């Protein structure tokens, strides 16, 4: 479903007249599916920035932090 208030894509910044309708999330028809596919691949293969974001947020929901995020100099 398109959002009629948006004029540009949040990712590629192209205008609605160039890319067509913009989704409620703010992405055009090219960027939205690309982000979706990358996110799915990262979660499936347990690697990449989307997986790391998901992992950090999941642990933060429990009130903890990842050992990887601790600064070794402290």
C-alpha atoms as a PDB file:
ATOM      1  CA  UNK A   1       0.000   0.000   0.000  1.00  0.00           C
ATOM      2  CA  UNK A   2       1.401   3.334  -0.999  1.00  0.00           C
ATOM      3  CA  UNK A   3       1.830   6.353   1.245  1.00  0.00           C
ATOM      4  CA  UNK A   4       0.571   9.407  -0.644  1.00  0.00           C
ATOM      5  CA  UNK A   5       2.346  11.812   1.738  1.00  0.00           C
ATOM      6  CA  UNK A   6       5.867  10.679   0.862  1.00  0.00           C
ATOM      7  CA  UNK A   7       7.624  12.284  -2.080  1.00  0.00           C
ATOM      8  CA  UNK A   8      11.027  10.541  -2.013  1.00  0.00           C
ATOM      9  CA  UNK A   9      12.455   7.146  -1.097  1.00  0.00           C
ATOM     10  CA  UNK A  10      14.264   7.082   2.273  1.00  0.00           C
ATOM     11  CA  UNK A  11      17.161   5.096   0.828  1.00  0.00           C
ATOM     12  CA  UNK A  12      17.831   6.222  -2.738  1.00  0.00           C
ATOM     13  CA  UNK A  13      16.194   9.680  -2.439  1.00  0.00           C
ATOM     14  CA  UNK A  14      14.529   9.355  -5.860  1.00  0.00           C
ATOM     15  CA  UNK A  15      11.242  11.187  -6.341  1.00  0.00           C
ATOM     16  CA  UNK A  16       7.883   9.461  -6.594  1.00  0.00           C
ATOM     17  CA  UNK A  17       7.491  10.583 -10.215  1.00  0.00           C
ATOM     18  CA  UNK A  18      10.713   8.664 -11.081  1.00  0.00           C
ATOM     19  CA  UNK A  19      10.153   5.448  -9.088  1.00  0.00           C
ATOM     20  CA  UNK A  20       6.404   5.164  -8.690  1.00  0.00           C
ATOM     21  CA  UNK A  21       4.573   4.708  -5.390  1.00  0.00           C
ATOM     22  CA  UNK A  22       6.471   4.875  -2.100  1.00  0.00           C
ATOM     23  CA  UNK A  23       5.556   2.353   0.620  1.00  0.00           C
ATOM     24  CA  UNK A  24       4.409   3.228   4.142  1.00  0.00           C
ATOM     25  CA  UNK A  25       7.908   2.297   5.341  1.00  0.00           C
ATOM     26  CA  UNK A  26       9.275   4.952   2.962  1.00  0.00           C
ATOM     27  CA  UNK A  27      10.953   2.824   0.298  1.00  0.00           C
ATOM     28  CA  UNK A  28      10.445   2.647  -3.456  1.00  0.00           C
ATOM     29  CA  UNK A  29       9.687  -0.521  -5.392  1.00  0.00           C
ATOM     30  CA  UNK A  30      13.417  -1.131  -5.974  1.00  0.00           C
ATOM     31  CA  UNK A  31      14.813  -0.465  -2.492  1.00  0.00           C
ATOM     32  CA  UNK A  32      12.094  -2.171  -0.435  1.00  0.00           C
ATOM     33  CA  UNK A  33      12.497  -5.688  -1.870  1.00  0.00           C
ATOM     34  CA  UNK A  34      16.305  -5.332  -1.885  1.00  0.00           C
ATOM     35  CA  UNK A  35      16.368  -4.481   1.834  1.00  0.00           C
ATOM     36  CA  UNK A  36      13.967  -7.353   2.528  1.00  0.00           C
ATOM     37  CA  UNK A  37      16.158  -9.877   0.694  1.00  0.00           C
ATOM     38  CA  UNK A  38      19.378  -8.697   2.377  1.00  0.00           C
ATOM     39  CA  UNK A  39      17.723  -8.841   5.785  1.00  0.00           C
ATOM     40  CA  UNK A  40      16.481 -12.380   5.178  1.00  0.00           C
ATOM     41  CA  UNK A  41      19.896 -13.548   3.943  1.00  0.00           C
ATOM     42  CA  UNK A  42      21.706 -12.039   6.927  1.00  0.00           C
ATOM     43  CA  UNK A  43      19.332 -13.650   9.418  1.00  0.00           C
ATOM     44  CA  UNK A  44      19.475 -17.008   7.645  1.00  0.00           C
ATOM     45  CA  UNK A  45      23.274 -17.162   7.368  1.00  0.00           C
ATOM     46  CA  UNK A  46      23.953 -15.499  10.774  1.00  0.00           C
ATOM     47  CA  UNK A  47      26.192 -12.763   9.380  1.00  0.00           C
ATOM     48  CA  UNK A  48      26.049  -9.165   8.180  1.00  0.00           C
ATOM     49  CA  UNK A  49      24.799  -5.854   9.534  1.00  0.00           C
ATOM     50  CA  UNK A  50      21.115  -6.786   9.767  1.00  0.00           C
ATOM     51  CA  UNK A  51      21.944  -9.910  11.783  1.00  0.00           C
ATOM     52  CA  UNK A  52      24.248  -7.961  14.098  1.00  0.00           C
ATOM     53  CA  UNK A  53      21.538  -5.344  14.651  1.00  0.00           C
ATOM     54  CA  UNK A  54      18.969  -8.063  15.427  1.00  0.00           C
ATOM     55  CA  UNK A  55      21.397  -9.806  17.793  1.00  0.00           C
ATOM     56  CA  UNK A  56      22.230  -6.623  19.709  1.00  0.00           C
ATOM     57  CA  UNK A  57      18.584  -5.624  20.027  1.00  0.00           C
ATOM     58  CA  UNK A  58      17.547  -9.110  21.186  1.00  0.00           C
ATOM     59  CA  UNK A  59      20.171  -9.122  23.919  1.00  0.00           C
ATOM     60  CA  UNK A  60      19.355  -5.515  24.886  1.00  0.00           C
ATOM     61  CA  UNK A  61      15.716  -6.509  25.384  1.00  0.00           C
ATOM     62  CA  UNK A  62      16.938  -8.744  28.218  1.00  0.00           C
ATOM     63  CA  UNK A  63      18.991  -5.923  29.709  1.00  0.00           C
ATOM     64  CA  UNK A  64      22.385  -7.271  28.682  1.00  0.00           C
ATOM     65  CA  UNK A  65      25.136  -6.420  26.203  1.00  0.00           C
ATOM     66  CA  UNK A  66      27.235  -8.587  23.915  1.00  0.00           C
ATOM     67  CA  UNK A  67      30.768  -9.397  24.993  1.00  0.00           C
ATOM     68  CA  UNK A  68      31.882  -8.360  21.503  1.00  0.00           C
ATOM     69  CA  UNK A  69      30.721  -4.825  22.257  1.00  0.00           C
ATOM     70  CA  UNK A  70      32.841  -4.394  25.395  1.00  0.00           C
ATOM     71  CA  UNK A  71      35.882  -2.180  25.034  1.00  0.00           C
ATOM     72  CA  UNK A  72      39.034  -4.236  25.820  1.00  0.00           C
ATOM     73  CA  UNK A  73      40.865  -1.130  27.104  1.00  0.00           C
ATOM     74  CA  UNK A  74      38.504  -0.657  30.054  1.00  0.00           C
END
